[in-house]
N, C-alpha and C. Protein backbone atom coordinates (compact mmCIF):
# COMPACT_ATOMS: atom_id res chain seq x y z
N LEU A 1 97.68 103.73 77.93
CA LEU A 1 96.52 103.67 78.97
C LEU A 1 95.86 105.01 78.66
N ARG A 2 94.57 105.36 79.17
CA ARG A 2 93.83 106.35 79.13
C ARG A 2 93.12 106.41 80.35
N TYR A 3 92.69 107.59 80.78
CA TYR A 3 92.63 108.03 82.31
C TYR A 3 91.49 108.77 82.18
N ASP A 4 90.14 108.51 82.51
CA ASP A 4 89.21 109.58 82.56
C ASP A 4 88.64 109.92 83.73
N VAL A 5 89.42 109.54 84.80
CA VAL A 5 89.26 110.16 86.31
C VAL A 5 89.42 111.93 86.46
N PRO A 6 88.42 112.45 86.66
CA PRO A 6 88.88 114.04 87.08
C PRO A 6 89.84 114.21 87.93
N ALA A 7 90.60 115.08 87.51
CA ALA A 7 91.86 115.67 88.66
C ALA A 7 91.40 116.65 89.47
N VAL A 8 92.15 116.57 90.89
CA VAL A 8 91.79 117.53 92.06
C VAL A 8 93.11 117.90 92.34
N ALA A 9 92.80 119.32 92.88
CA ALA A 9 94.49 119.85 93.28
C ALA A 9 94.83 119.36 94.40
N GLN A 10 94.34 118.61 95.36
CA GLN A 10 95.25 118.02 96.23
C GLN A 10 95.03 116.42 96.40
N GLY A 11 95.20 116.06 97.47
CA GLY A 11 95.25 114.40 97.61
C GLY A 11 96.30 113.77 97.06
N SER A 12 96.01 112.46 97.37
CA SER A 12 97.03 111.35 96.63
C SER A 12 97.09 111.35 95.20
N PRO A 13 98.23 111.06 94.71
CA PRO A 13 98.63 110.86 93.42
C PRO A 13 98.02 109.31 93.06
N VAL A 14 97.40 109.38 91.81
CA VAL A 14 96.95 107.73 91.38
C VAL A 14 98.02 107.51 90.45
N MET A 15 98.68 106.34 90.74
CA MET A 15 99.83 105.68 89.79
C MET A 15 99.34 104.34 89.48
N VAL A 16 99.87 104.17 87.97
CA VAL A 16 99.68 102.49 87.54
C VAL A 16 100.91 102.13 86.93
N ALA A 17 100.83 100.75 86.99
CA ALA A 17 101.99 100.21 86.71
C ALA A 17 101.69 98.77 85.73
N ASP A 18 102.42 98.59 84.87
CA ASP A 18 102.30 97.43 83.71
C ASP A 18 103.18 96.05 84.48
N ILE A 19 102.66 95.34 85.29
CA ILE A 19 102.96 94.49 85.99
C ILE A 19 104.15 93.60 85.32
N ARG A 20 103.93 93.36 83.98
CA ARG A 20 104.95 93.01 83.07
C ARG A 20 106.16 93.68 82.98
N GLN A 21 106.29 95.05 83.70
CA GLN A 21 107.84 95.40 83.67
C GLN A 21 108.35 95.54 84.75
N PHE A 22 107.97 95.05 85.92
CA PHE A 22 108.50 94.93 86.88
C PHE A 22 109.83 94.11 86.71
N ASP A 23 110.94 94.49 87.31
CA ASP A 23 112.24 93.73 87.46
C ASP A 23 112.11 92.94 88.68
N PRO A 24 112.07 91.66 88.20
CA PRO A 24 112.26 90.84 89.67
C PRO A 24 113.41 90.76 90.31
N ALA A 25 114.27 91.49 89.82
CA ALA A 25 115.59 91.21 90.95
C ALA A 25 115.39 92.38 91.92
N ILE A 26 114.56 93.06 92.16
CA ILE A 26 114.02 94.00 92.91
C ILE A 26 113.92 93.32 94.57
N LEU A 27 113.73 91.81 94.17
CA LEU A 27 113.11 90.96 95.29
C LEU A 27 114.53 90.45 96.04
N GLN A 28 115.63 91.05 95.31
CA GLN A 28 116.95 90.59 95.76
C GLN A 28 117.55 91.62 96.81
N ARG A 29 117.03 92.68 96.59
CA ARG A 29 117.66 94.05 97.55
C ARG A 29 117.48 93.91 98.63
N PRO A 30 116.29 93.47 99.34
CA PRO A 30 116.08 93.61 100.94
C PRO A 30 117.20 92.55 101.41
N PRO A 31 117.42 92.60 102.88
CA PRO A 31 118.12 91.68 103.51
C PRO A 31 117.80 90.17 103.04
N GLN A 32 118.57 89.36 102.94
CA GLN A 32 118.31 87.86 102.96
C GLN A 32 117.36 87.30 103.95
N GLU A 33 117.02 87.65 105.18
CA GLU A 33 115.84 87.39 105.90
C GLU A 33 115.03 88.01 105.61
N PHE A 34 114.43 88.56 104.56
CA PHE A 34 113.61 89.00 104.41
C PHE A 34 112.55 88.48 103.56
N ARG A 35 111.37 88.36 103.81
CA ARG A 35 110.22 87.31 103.08
C ARG A 35 109.00 87.81 103.14
N VAL A 36 108.00 87.56 102.34
CA VAL A 36 106.58 88.12 102.14
C VAL A 36 105.72 87.00 102.29
N THR A 37 104.66 86.95 103.11
CA THR A 37 103.65 86.01 103.27
C THR A 37 102.30 86.67 103.22
N GLU A 38 101.12 85.69 103.03
CA GLU A 38 100.31 86.04 103.12
C GLU A 38 99.55 85.98 104.32
N VAL A 39 98.79 86.66 104.75
CA VAL A 39 98.02 86.41 106.27
C VAL A 39 97.30 85.22 106.27
N ALA A 40 97.52 84.29 107.26
CA ALA A 40 96.91 83.09 107.08
C ALA A 40 96.15 82.46 108.50
N SER A 41 96.80 83.38 109.85
CA SER A 41 96.34 83.24 111.07
C SER A 41 95.54 84.53 111.56
N GLU A 42 95.26 84.35 112.86
CA GLU A 42 94.78 85.38 113.54
C GLU A 42 96.13 85.99 113.94
N ALA A 43 97.50 85.42 114.33
CA ALA A 43 98.47 86.11 114.67
C ALA A 43 99.02 86.84 113.79
N ASP A 44 99.00 86.34 112.36
CA ASP A 44 99.53 87.28 111.17
C ASP A 44 98.67 88.16 111.22
N LEU A 45 97.36 88.22 111.29
CA LEU A 45 96.63 89.56 111.36
C LEU A 45 96.70 90.25 112.30
N THR A 46 97.14 89.96 113.44
CA THR A 46 97.56 90.61 114.51
C THR A 46 98.99 91.70 114.19
N ALA A 47 99.80 90.79 113.61
CA ALA A 47 101.17 91.44 113.14
C ALA A 47 100.81 92.26 111.95
N PHE A 48 99.65 91.93 111.25
CA PHE A 48 99.83 93.01 110.25
C PHE A 48 99.09 94.28 110.73
N ALA A 49 98.11 94.38 111.69
CA ALA A 49 97.26 95.47 112.22
C ALA A 49 98.45 96.18 113.11
N GLN A 50 99.60 95.54 113.67
CA GLN A 50 100.38 96.37 114.40
C GLN A 50 101.34 96.94 113.47
N VAL A 51 101.64 96.61 112.40
CA VAL A 51 102.79 97.34 111.65
C VAL A 51 102.12 98.51 111.31
N VAL A 52 100.60 98.21 110.51
CA VAL A 52 99.72 99.73 110.22
C VAL A 52 99.59 100.70 111.10
N GLU A 53 99.39 100.04 112.35
CA GLU A 53 99.37 101.09 113.37
C GLU A 53 100.46 101.81 113.49
N ALA A 54 101.58 101.19 113.67
CA ALA A 54 103.07 101.75 113.91
C ALA A 54 103.30 103.05 112.59
N VAL A 55 102.84 102.41 111.33
CA VAL A 55 103.35 103.22 110.52
C VAL A 55 102.62 104.50 110.24
N TYR A 56 101.27 104.19 110.49
CA TYR A 56 100.24 105.24 110.34
C TYR A 56 99.60 105.24 111.66
N PRO A 57 100.19 106.13 112.70
CA PRO A 57 99.45 106.05 114.18
C PRO A 57 98.46 106.95 114.24
N GLY A 58 98.06 108.17 113.32
CA GLY A 58 97.19 108.84 113.20
C GLY A 58 95.50 108.39 112.42
N GLN A 59 96.01 107.07 112.08
CA GLN A 59 94.97 106.55 111.45
C GLN A 59 94.74 104.87 111.94
N PRO A 60 94.44 104.97 113.54
CA PRO A 60 94.10 103.61 113.82
C PRO A 60 92.82 102.74 113.18
N GLU A 61 92.11 103.55 112.61
CA GLU A 61 90.87 103.10 111.62
C GLU A 61 91.34 102.14 110.71
N ALA A 62 92.36 102.53 110.00
CA ALA A 62 92.90 101.63 109.11
C ALA A 62 93.25 100.21 109.36
N ALA A 63 93.98 100.16 110.32
CA ALA A 63 94.26 98.70 110.90
C ALA A 63 92.93 97.97 111.46
N GLN A 64 92.20 98.43 112.19
CA GLN A 64 91.07 97.91 112.68
C GLN A 64 89.98 97.57 111.79
N GLY A 65 89.82 98.47 110.85
CA GLY A 65 88.77 98.24 109.48
C GLY A 65 89.30 96.98 108.94
N TRP A 66 90.42 96.80 108.21
CA TRP A 66 90.87 95.78 107.69
C TRP A 66 90.80 94.42 108.43
N SER A 67 91.22 94.51 109.70
CA SER A 67 91.44 93.38 110.56
C SER A 67 89.77 92.91 110.82
N ASP A 68 88.80 93.93 111.05
CA ASP A 68 87.43 93.52 111.58
C ASP A 68 86.89 93.20 110.16
N ALA A 69 87.20 93.31 108.95
CA ALA A 69 86.74 92.90 107.57
C ALA A 69 87.25 91.84 107.36
N THR A 70 88.38 91.44 107.33
CA THR A 70 89.13 90.13 107.39
C THR A 70 88.53 89.15 108.20
N ARG A 71 88.60 89.46 109.35
CA ARG A 71 87.90 88.21 110.33
C ARG A 71 86.53 87.93 110.02
N TYR A 72 85.77 88.75 109.63
CA TYR A 72 83.96 88.82 109.20
C TYR A 72 84.27 87.99 107.82
N ALA A 73 84.92 88.13 107.06
CA ALA A 73 85.04 87.44 105.36
C ALA A 73 85.41 86.14 105.78
N GLY A 74 86.42 86.12 107.12
CA GLY A 74 87.18 84.79 106.94
C GLY A 74 88.48 85.06 106.50
N ILE A 75 89.34 84.79 107.42
CA ILE A 75 90.83 84.91 107.02
C ILE A 75 91.39 83.83 106.15
N GLY A 76 91.83 84.22 104.97
CA GLY A 76 92.09 83.13 103.60
C GLY A 76 91.10 83.39 102.99
N SER A 77 89.81 83.84 103.15
CA SER A 77 88.36 83.80 102.25
C SER A 77 88.45 84.99 101.81
N ALA A 78 88.55 85.89 102.07
CA ALA A 78 88.44 87.30 101.79
C ALA A 78 88.71 87.82 100.58
N PRO A 79 87.95 88.69 99.65
CA PRO A 79 87.95 88.81 98.48
C PRO A 79 89.25 89.84 98.02
N TRP A 80 90.00 89.81 99.31
CA TRP A 80 91.34 90.85 99.24
C TRP A 80 92.63 89.92 99.91
N LYS A 81 93.44 90.13 99.46
CA LYS A 81 94.68 89.68 100.31
C LYS A 81 95.57 90.41 101.09
N LEU A 82 95.82 89.93 102.01
CA LEU A 82 96.66 90.87 103.05
C LEU A 82 98.20 90.11 103.10
N HIS A 83 99.06 90.87 103.11
CA HIS A 83 100.37 90.36 103.19
C HIS A 83 101.38 91.14 104.13
N ILE A 84 102.23 90.16 104.55
CA ILE A 84 103.04 90.87 105.62
C ILE A 84 104.68 90.56 105.32
N GLY A 85 105.53 91.79 105.33
CA GLY A 85 106.87 91.50 105.01
C GLY A 85 107.42 91.13 106.05
N TRP A 86 108.33 90.12 106.55
CA TRP A 86 108.77 89.66 107.66
C TRP A 86 110.56 90.02 107.57
N LEU A 87 111.06 90.57 108.62
CA LEU A 87 112.52 90.68 108.46
C LEU A 87 113.01 89.56 109.82
N GLY A 88 113.34 88.48 109.35
CA GLY A 88 113.54 87.49 110.48
C GLY A 88 111.98 87.30 111.01
N ASP A 89 112.23 87.33 112.31
CA ASP A 89 110.82 87.32 112.92
C ASP A 89 109.83 88.03 113.17
N GLU A 90 110.18 89.58 112.74
CA GLU A 90 109.91 90.60 113.02
C GLU A 90 108.84 91.03 111.82
N ALA A 91 107.67 91.33 111.85
CA ALA A 91 106.87 92.25 111.04
C ALA A 91 107.35 93.43 110.82
N VAL A 92 107.38 93.65 109.38
CA VAL A 92 108.36 95.09 109.34
C VAL A 92 107.35 95.74 108.12
N ALA A 93 106.63 95.41 107.42
CA ALA A 93 106.01 95.81 105.99
C ALA A 93 104.42 95.09 105.88
N THR A 94 103.53 96.05 104.82
CA THR A 94 102.26 95.38 104.77
C THR A 94 101.90 95.74 103.46
N ASN A 95 100.99 95.13 103.07
CA ASN A 95 100.45 95.43 101.52
C ASN A 95 98.99 94.59 101.51
N ILE A 96 98.01 95.12 101.04
CA ILE A 96 96.81 94.66 100.62
C ILE A 96 96.44 94.71 99.12
N VAL A 97 96.22 93.56 98.43
CA VAL A 97 96.04 93.49 97.33
C VAL A 97 94.44 93.15 96.99
N VAL A 98 93.56 94.01 96.05
CA VAL A 98 92.41 93.83 95.67
C VAL A 98 92.02 93.62 94.17
N GLU A 99 91.77 92.73 93.65
CA GLU A 99 91.43 92.69 92.33
C GLU A 99 89.67 93.08 91.90
N GLY A 100 89.82 93.88 90.85
CA GLY A 100 88.49 94.49 90.29
C GLY A 100 88.80 94.80 88.98
N GLY A 101 87.42 94.83 88.20
CA GLY A 101 87.48 95.81 87.15
C GLY A 101 89.01 95.15 86.29
N GLY A 102 89.62 94.04 86.28
CA GLY A 102 90.52 93.70 85.55
C GLY A 102 91.93 94.11 85.86
N ILE A 103 91.99 94.81 86.90
CA ILE A 103 93.40 95.40 87.56
C ILE A 103 93.51 94.90 88.88
N VAL A 104 94.71 94.70 89.51
CA VAL A 104 94.99 94.84 90.88
C VAL A 104 95.09 96.10 91.53
N SER A 105 94.73 96.35 92.81
CA SER A 105 94.90 97.67 93.28
C SER A 105 95.81 97.32 94.59
N LEU A 106 96.56 98.08 94.95
CA LEU A 106 97.45 98.14 96.02
C LEU A 106 96.78 99.21 97.60
N TRP A 107 96.58 98.54 98.47
CA TRP A 107 96.46 99.51 99.64
C TRP A 107 97.11 99.27 100.56
N VAL A 108 97.31 100.10 101.84
CA VAL A 108 98.13 100.02 103.16
C VAL A 108 99.40 99.53 102.71
N ILE A 109 100.07 99.61 102.00
CA ILE A 109 101.49 99.79 101.67
C ILE A 109 102.22 100.38 102.95
N ALA A 110 102.71 99.72 103.69
CA ALA A 110 103.47 100.18 104.96
C ALA A 110 105.00 99.56 105.16
N THR A 111 105.85 100.31 105.63
CA THR A 111 107.11 99.76 105.80
C THR A 111 107.58 100.70 107.25
N MET A 112 107.90 99.82 108.00
CA MET A 112 108.36 100.13 109.66
C MET A 112 109.67 101.53 109.57
N PRO A 113 109.52 102.42 110.16
CA PRO A 113 110.48 103.46 109.81
C PRO A 113 111.97 102.79 109.88
N HIS A 114 112.31 101.87 110.81
CA HIS A 114 113.38 101.84 111.12
C HIS A 114 114.34 100.59 110.04
N VAL A 115 113.47 100.05 109.14
CA VAL A 115 113.62 99.35 107.93
C VAL A 115 113.35 99.87 106.58
N ARG A 116 113.34 101.14 106.33
CA ARG A 116 113.53 101.90 105.56
C ARG A 116 114.59 102.15 104.72
N ARG A 117 114.85 102.22 103.33
CA ARG A 117 115.76 102.59 102.69
C ARG A 117 116.84 101.32 102.57
N LYS A 118 116.14 99.82 102.65
CA LYS A 118 116.83 98.72 102.29
C LYS A 118 115.86 97.69 101.25
N GLY A 119 115.12 98.58 100.57
CA GLY A 119 114.55 97.69 99.43
C GLY A 119 113.28 96.82 99.80
N ILE A 120 112.79 97.17 101.02
CA ILE A 120 111.65 96.36 101.87
C ILE A 120 110.45 96.89 101.08
N GLY A 121 110.36 98.25 100.93
CA GLY A 121 109.32 98.98 100.47
C GLY A 121 108.58 98.19 99.12
N SER A 122 109.96 98.37 98.15
CA SER A 122 109.81 97.89 97.16
C SER A 122 109.47 96.41 96.88
N ALA A 123 110.00 95.69 97.68
CA ALA A 123 109.64 94.29 97.72
C ALA A 123 108.20 93.91 98.21
N ILE A 124 107.83 94.71 99.29
CA ILE A 124 106.58 94.31 99.36
C ILE A 124 105.57 94.71 98.67
N THR A 125 105.89 95.76 97.61
CA THR A 125 105.18 96.17 96.85
C THR A 125 105.08 95.11 95.58
N ILE A 126 106.00 94.86 95.18
CA ILE A 126 105.95 94.03 93.73
C ILE A 126 105.76 92.35 94.10
N ALA A 127 106.28 92.12 95.07
CA ALA A 127 106.30 90.69 95.50
C ALA A 127 104.66 89.96 95.52
N PRO A 128 103.76 90.51 95.86
CA PRO A 128 102.39 89.90 95.55
C PRO A 128 102.01 90.18 94.13
N LEU A 129 102.34 91.09 93.48
CA LEU A 129 101.98 91.42 92.19
C LEU A 129 102.53 90.62 91.18
N LEU A 130 103.61 89.98 91.71
CA LEU A 130 104.19 89.02 90.50
C LEU A 130 103.53 88.09 90.49
N ASP A 131 102.68 87.26 91.67
CA ASP A 131 101.83 86.28 91.67
C ASP A 131 100.68 86.66 90.81
N TRP A 132 100.16 87.67 91.15
CA TRP A 132 99.10 87.95 90.21
C TRP A 132 99.10 88.25 88.60
N GLN A 133 100.50 88.66 88.42
CA GLN A 133 100.58 88.49 86.96
C GLN A 133 100.76 87.23 86.34
N ALA A 134 101.21 86.10 87.22
CA ALA A 134 101.14 84.72 86.87
C ALA A 134 99.88 84.39 86.69
N LYS A 135 98.56 85.09 87.07
CA LYS A 135 97.12 84.84 87.05
C LYS A 135 96.75 85.37 85.91
N GLY A 136 97.51 86.15 85.10
CA GLY A 136 97.12 87.06 83.78
C GLY A 136 96.80 88.39 84.14
N TYR A 137 96.86 89.11 85.39
CA TYR A 137 96.73 90.29 85.52
C TYR A 137 97.97 91.37 84.74
N GLN A 138 97.37 92.14 84.01
CA GLN A 138 98.58 93.05 83.51
C GLN A 138 98.77 94.30 84.19
N TYR A 139 97.63 94.80 84.71
CA TYR A 139 98.05 96.19 85.26
C TYR A 139 97.71 96.49 86.85
N ALA A 140 98.51 97.18 87.62
CA ALA A 140 98.15 97.32 89.23
C ALA A 140 97.88 98.96 89.23
N GLY A 141 97.34 99.37 90.31
CA GLY A 141 97.19 100.63 90.69
C GLY A 141 97.14 101.03 92.04
N LEU A 142 97.36 102.37 92.54
CA LEU A 142 97.21 102.46 93.76
C LEU A 142 97.15 103.97 94.00
N PHE A 143 97.00 104.56 95.16
CA PHE A 143 96.83 105.84 95.51
C PHE A 143 98.53 105.91 96.61
N ALA A 144 99.41 106.71 95.86
CA ALA A 144 100.41 107.24 96.65
C ALA A 144 100.33 108.43 97.72
N SER A 145 101.35 107.83 98.76
CA SER A 145 101.81 108.84 99.74
C SER A 145 102.73 109.62 99.43
N PRO A 146 102.97 111.01 99.78
CA PRO A 146 104.13 111.74 99.22
C PRO A 146 105.56 111.07 99.36
N GLU A 147 105.73 110.22 100.38
CA GLU A 147 106.63 109.44 100.70
C GLU A 147 107.00 108.28 99.85
N GLY A 148 105.80 107.61 99.59
CA GLY A 148 105.81 106.34 98.79
C GLY A 148 105.86 106.55 97.20
N ALA A 149 105.30 107.84 96.56
CA ALA A 149 105.41 108.12 95.33
C ALA A 149 106.72 107.92 94.52
N PRO A 150 107.87 108.44 95.17
CA PRO A 150 109.26 108.03 94.46
C PRO A 150 109.58 106.83 94.61
N VAL A 151 109.28 105.98 95.79
CA VAL A 151 109.60 104.47 95.59
C VAL A 151 109.00 103.79 94.54
N TYR A 152 107.38 104.22 94.39
CA TYR A 152 106.97 103.74 93.32
C TYR A 152 107.14 104.02 91.75
N GLU A 153 107.57 104.96 91.97
CA GLU A 153 108.15 105.63 90.55
C GLU A 153 109.70 104.77 90.23
N ARG A 154 110.26 104.59 91.03
CA ARG A 154 111.33 103.68 90.83
C ARG A 154 111.35 102.41 90.44
N ILE A 155 110.05 101.80 91.15
CA ILE A 155 110.06 100.07 90.84
C ILE A 155 109.05 100.22 89.70
N GLY A 156 108.41 101.38 88.66
CA GLY A 156 107.87 101.15 87.36
C GLY A 156 106.43 101.42 87.52
N PHE A 157 105.96 102.40 88.53
CA PHE A 157 104.70 102.92 88.59
C PHE A 157 104.87 104.27 87.95
N GLN A 158 103.66 104.53 87.16
CA GLN A 158 103.74 106.11 86.55
C GLN A 158 102.57 107.05 87.14
N HIS A 159 102.69 108.33 87.26
CA HIS A 159 101.43 109.08 87.90
C HIS A 159 100.80 109.29 86.43
N THR A 160 99.24 109.36 86.94
CA THR A 160 98.34 109.38 85.63
C THR A 160 97.86 111.01 85.65
N GLY A 161 98.46 111.93 86.25
CA GLY A 161 98.01 113.43 86.57
C GLY A 161 96.82 113.46 87.00
N THR A 162 96.43 112.31 88.03
CA THR A 162 95.19 112.71 88.90
C THR A 162 95.49 112.44 90.15
N ARG A 163 94.70 113.18 90.65
CA ARG A 163 94.87 112.91 92.55
C ARG A 163 93.34 112.51 93.07
N ILE A 164 93.68 111.78 94.29
CA ILE A 164 92.31 111.65 94.81
C ILE A 164 92.23 112.13 96.10
N ASN A 165 91.23 112.44 96.71
CA ASN A 165 90.86 112.97 98.20
C ASN A 165 90.88 111.35 98.77
N ARG A 166 91.10 111.41 100.08
CA ARG A 166 90.60 110.14 100.65
C ARG A 166 89.48 110.34 101.83
N TYR A 167 88.70 109.22 101.91
CA TYR A 167 87.78 109.84 103.02
C TYR A 167 87.52 108.90 104.23
N LEU A 168 87.30 109.02 105.33
CA LEU A 168 87.20 107.89 106.41
C LEU A 168 85.70 107.75 106.37
N TRP A 169 85.49 106.43 106.21
CA TRP A 169 84.03 105.86 106.38
C TRP A 169 83.96 105.29 107.91
N ARG A 170 82.99 105.61 108.79
CA ARG A 170 83.22 105.07 109.91
C ARG A 170 81.53 104.62 110.11
N ASN A 171 81.42 103.52 110.86
CA ASN A 171 80.07 102.90 111.28
C ASN A 171 80.06 103.89 112.90
N GLN A 172 78.43 104.62 112.30
CA GLN A 172 77.97 105.07 113.41
C GLN A 172 77.13 104.52 114.44
N GLY A 173 77.00 103.31 113.77
CA GLY A 173 75.75 102.56 115.06
C GLY A 173 76.15 101.47 115.70
């Protein structure tokens, strides 16, 4: 792969992966009662937002922005797919998949602190991507947090040598 995005000294590392290289056995590592579903109802959207707010308490706009945009586009009709990881009946992880430019990108990957180190972060990351691989997609990309980058490396994502700064866009009107 070739990367033509200019590097910056600070920011989130840009990472990419060949979806075909993922080990499906990763999905067997979380507790047996763990499952991943797509947001399909208002209750699901609320659960999604609650996980995001709990994991990123300093960024309430992230949960609100994705929730509002998804409601506006129509739950199940938006051009992105929101996913929730459930441990029994408890929402514990999130992931958003957006398709564009021939790749899928991941956003808002979040795992509740009390369930980390159980394979849930890896599973919520790759489970939706395996569905996209079945649709013919080969590559996935994401901007990693410092905490997430080692997890993504273990499951097959590679650093591009590029970092990107995040910007918060707010509606002023």
